[in-house]
Every structure is written in C-alpha cells, then in structure tokens.
Protein backbone atom coordinates (compact mmCIF):
# COMPACT_ATOMS: atom_id res chain seq x y z
CA UNK A 1 19.74 -55.88 -45.82
CA UNK A 2 22.29 -54.33 -44.21
CA UNK A 3 24.87 -55.66 -42.03
CA UNK A 4 23.65 -56.43 -38.30
CA UNK A 5 26.37 -58.36 -36.71
CA UNK A 6 27.74 -55.70 -34.70
CA UNK A 7 24.72 -54.11 -33.77
CA UNK A 8 24.66 -55.96 -30.52
CA UNK A 9 27.98 -54.10 -28.89
CA UNK A 10 26.25 -50.61 -29.94
CA UNK A 11 24.78 -50.13 -26.18
CA UNK A 12 27.43 -50.92 -23.36
CA UNK A 13 26.52 -52.77 -20.40
CA UNK A 14 26.53 -50.16 -18.24
CA UNK A 15 23.82 -48.88 -16.49
CA UNK A 16 22.60 -45.31 -17.27
CA UNK A 17 23.81 -43.02 -14.64
CA UNK A 18 22.35 -39.88 -13.37
CA UNK A 19 25.12 -36.75 -13.14
CA UNK A 20 24.99 -34.57 -9.93
CA UNK A 21 26.93 -31.53 -9.23
CA UNK A 22 26.64 -30.95 -5.19
CA UNK A 23 22.69 -31.50 -4.95
CA UNK A 24 21.77 -30.82 -8.46
CA UNK A 25 21.31 -33.90 -10.67
CA UNK A 26 21.99 -32.32 -14.45
CA UNK A 27 21.28 -34.79 -16.22
CA UNK A 28 22.09 -38.39 -17.15
CA UNK A 29 24.71 -40.58 -19.17
CA UNK A 30 25.53 -43.74 -20.65
CA UNK A 31 28.02 -45.47 -23.10
CA UNK A 32 27.72 -46.47 -26.31
CA UNK A 33 30.27 -48.11 -28.97
CA UNK A 34 31.11 -47.99 -32.22
CA UNK A 35 28.89 -50.96 -33.94
CA UNK A 36 31.81 -52.36 -36.63
CA UNK A 37 35.47 -53.75 -35.98
CA UNK A 38 36.94 -51.58 -37.50
CA UNK A 39 36.65 -47.70 -35.95
CA UNK A 40 35.94 -44.64 -38.28
CA UNK A 41 36.01 -40.70 -38.34
CA UNK A 42 33.08 -38.94 -36.73
CA UNK A 43 32.38 -37.15 -39.39
CA UNK A 44 31.59 -40.58 -40.74
CA UNK A 45 28.02 -40.98 -38.38
CA UNK A 46 25.52 -39.52 -40.51
CA UNK A 47 22.64 -39.47 -37.95
CA UNK A 48 22.45 -40.45 -34.51
CA UNK A 49 19.23 -40.18 -32.16
CA UNK A 50 18.37 -41.51 -28.88
CA UNK A 51 14.80 -42.89 -27.52
CA UNK A 52 14.30 -43.55 -23.39
CA UNK A 53 11.06 -45.15 -22.86
CA UNK A 54 9.71 -44.74 -26.59
CA UNK A 55 10.04 -41.00 -26.13
CA UNK A 56 12.79 -39.12 -28.61
CA UNK A 57 15.47 -37.46 -26.68
CA UNK A 58 16.13 -33.80 -28.27
CA UNK A 59 19.44 -33.32 -29.89
CA UNK A 60 20.08 -30.23 -28.51
CA UNK A 61 20.11 -31.88 -25.30
CA UNK A 62 22.63 -34.06 -26.03
CA UNK A 63 26.51 -34.44 -25.79
CA UNK A 64 28.65 -36.48 -27.13
CA UNK A 65 31.94 -37.20 -25.54
CA UNK A 66 34.76 -39.03 -27.13
CA UNK A 67 38.49 -39.56 -26.32
CA UNK A 68 38.69 -36.69 -23.50
CA UNK A 69 36.10 -33.81 -25.46
CA UNK A 70 32.58 -33.10 -25.61
CA UNK A 71 30.76 -32.61 -29.03
CA UNK A 72 27.24 -31.76 -29.95
CA UNK A 73 25.35 -33.99 -32.75
CA UNK A 74 25.58 -30.90 -34.95
CA UNK A 75 29.11 -30.89 -34.72
CA UNK A 76 30.06 -34.70 -35.88
CA UNK A 77 29.69 -33.92 -39.49
CA UNK A 78 32.55 -31.81 -39.65
CA UNK A 79 34.86 -33.91 -36.86
CA UNK A 80 37.21 -35.45 -39.84
CA UNK A 81 39.90 -35.99 -37.61
CA UNK A 82 38.21 -37.29 -34.79
CA UNK A 83 38.87 -40.89 -34.64
CA UNK A 84 36.45 -43.06 -32.53
CA UNK A 85 38.65 -46.48 -31.73
CA UNK A 86 36.32 -49.43 -31.67
CA UNK A 87 36.83 -50.46 -28.37
CA UNK A 88 36.47 -46.67 -27.23
CA UNK A 89 33.38 -45.83 -25.18
CA UNK A 90 31.72 -42.96 -26.45
CA UNK A 91 29.65 -41.04 -23.49
CA UNK A 92 26.13 -39.74 -24.35
CA UNK A 93 25.14 -37.10 -21.86
CA UNK A 94 21.66 -35.66 -21.70
CA UNK A 95 20.67 -32.28 -20.17
CA UNK A 96 17.43 -32.82 -18.58
CA UNK A 97 17.14 -30.78 -14.95
CA UNK A 98 16.12 -33.97 -12.73
CA UNK A 99 18.19 -36.65 -14.35
CA UNK A 100 16.34 -39.82 -15.03
CA UNK A 101 13.62 -41.76 -12.50
CA UNK A 102 15.50 -44.64 -11.07
CA UNK A 103 14.69 -48.11 -12.44
CA UNK A 104 14.65 -49.96 -15.41
CA UNK A 105 14.07 -48.42 -19.12
CA UNK A 106 13.76 -48.67 -22.53
CA UNK A 107 16.99 -47.38 -24.56
CA UNK A 108 17.21 -47.34 -28.33
CA UNK A 109 20.17 -45.66 -30.05
CA UNK A 110 19.79 -45.33 -33.84
CA UNK A 111 22.97 -44.81 -35.81
CA UNK A 112 23.37 -44.67 -39.93
CA UNK A 113 27.14 -44.26 -40.55
CA UNK A 114 29.14 -44.57 -43.89
CA UNK A 115 31.84 -47.38 -44.06
CA UNK A 116 35.05 -45.01 -44.69
CA UNK A 117 37.33 -47.97 -46.49
CA UNK A 118 34.28 -49.01 -48.94
CA UNK A 119 34.31 -45.51 -51.09
CA UNK A 120 34.95 -46.27 -54.76
CA UNK A 121 34.05 -43.74 -57.14
CA UNK A 122 32.48 -41.53 -54.29
CA UNK A 123 29.78 -44.79 -53.44
CA UNK A 124 30.17 -45.49 -49.90
CA UNK A 125 28.23 -48.70 -47.92
CA UNK A 126 26.39 -46.89 -45.47
CA UNK A 127 24.90 -48.86 -42.39
CA UNK A 128 21.96 -48.67 -40.43
CA UNK A 129 22.48 -49.92 -36.81
CA UNK A 130 19.26 -49.70 -34.51
CA UNK A 131 19.04 -51.16 -31.33
CA UNK A 132 16.97 -51.44 -28.27
CA UNK A 133 18.38 -52.76 -24.93
CA UNK A 134 16.84 -52.12 -21.14
CA UNK A 135 19.09 -50.67 -18.82
CA UNK A 136 18.97 -49.85 -15.32
CA UNK A 137 19.38 -46.25 -14.24
CA UNK A 138 20.44 -44.84 -10.89
C-alpha cells in the first residue's frame, strides 16, 4: 500500500475561483500542494489529472502555475530544473469559457509521482495520491 499520510495537503483549503478579465470569465482556478514532507522537481510527476463533480477535466484545458511560470501538463515531464517546494502552492487554471457555477463542487486530484531521493539501482518509489474534497466556487 502506498504511503498516504500527506495526501491530506494535496488540495489546498482555498475556494475555487472564477477568473475574470473585464466582463469575460475565462475559466476557474484552484490550488494544490505537493503531497510530501519534501519537495520535488516537476519532472517527478508522472501523471496529474483532475475531476470536477465526477467529470474529467481535459488535460489540454489545464495550465499548471508554479514559481511564477505557467506549464501545460504535457510539459511537466521535461521540467527537471523546476522545483516544487513543499510549502509552495501551485495554481491549476482550467480554461472553460464561463467558468464554474457558484456553489459547492466535488474536486478530485490524482497524482502519480516518483520520490526522487529513493532511486537506488534505477528503481524509484512511486506514489499515487488520490484525493477528493468539496470546495466552494465563486
């Protein structure tokens, strides 16, 4: 069984927030943290996916913002110099015109990630973090 103790910090306590530019709502965003007591390079994230109200969020509609930079999910495997400090929240932006309806929503985050300091003889410990929580959107 995977080590699950740090999964409770994966989804930050912040609400889901619609992103507006002028009168237009471009999408919505929420925050997540790396589920460990140590940070890691973004290239250690082998898979990252999201569901809202039981519906998968298309990966092509997601931007991952960390350290003042935006990344596509498909770029994460190449980000071997970009470090995710354990206390730094990342912002997940979902480009959906009109955003998300105000109210309570079920948010699921699934992350498969290598623990970089466990690499002995080419074998790394890989953890699966899978968390579902309810967050308010506005």
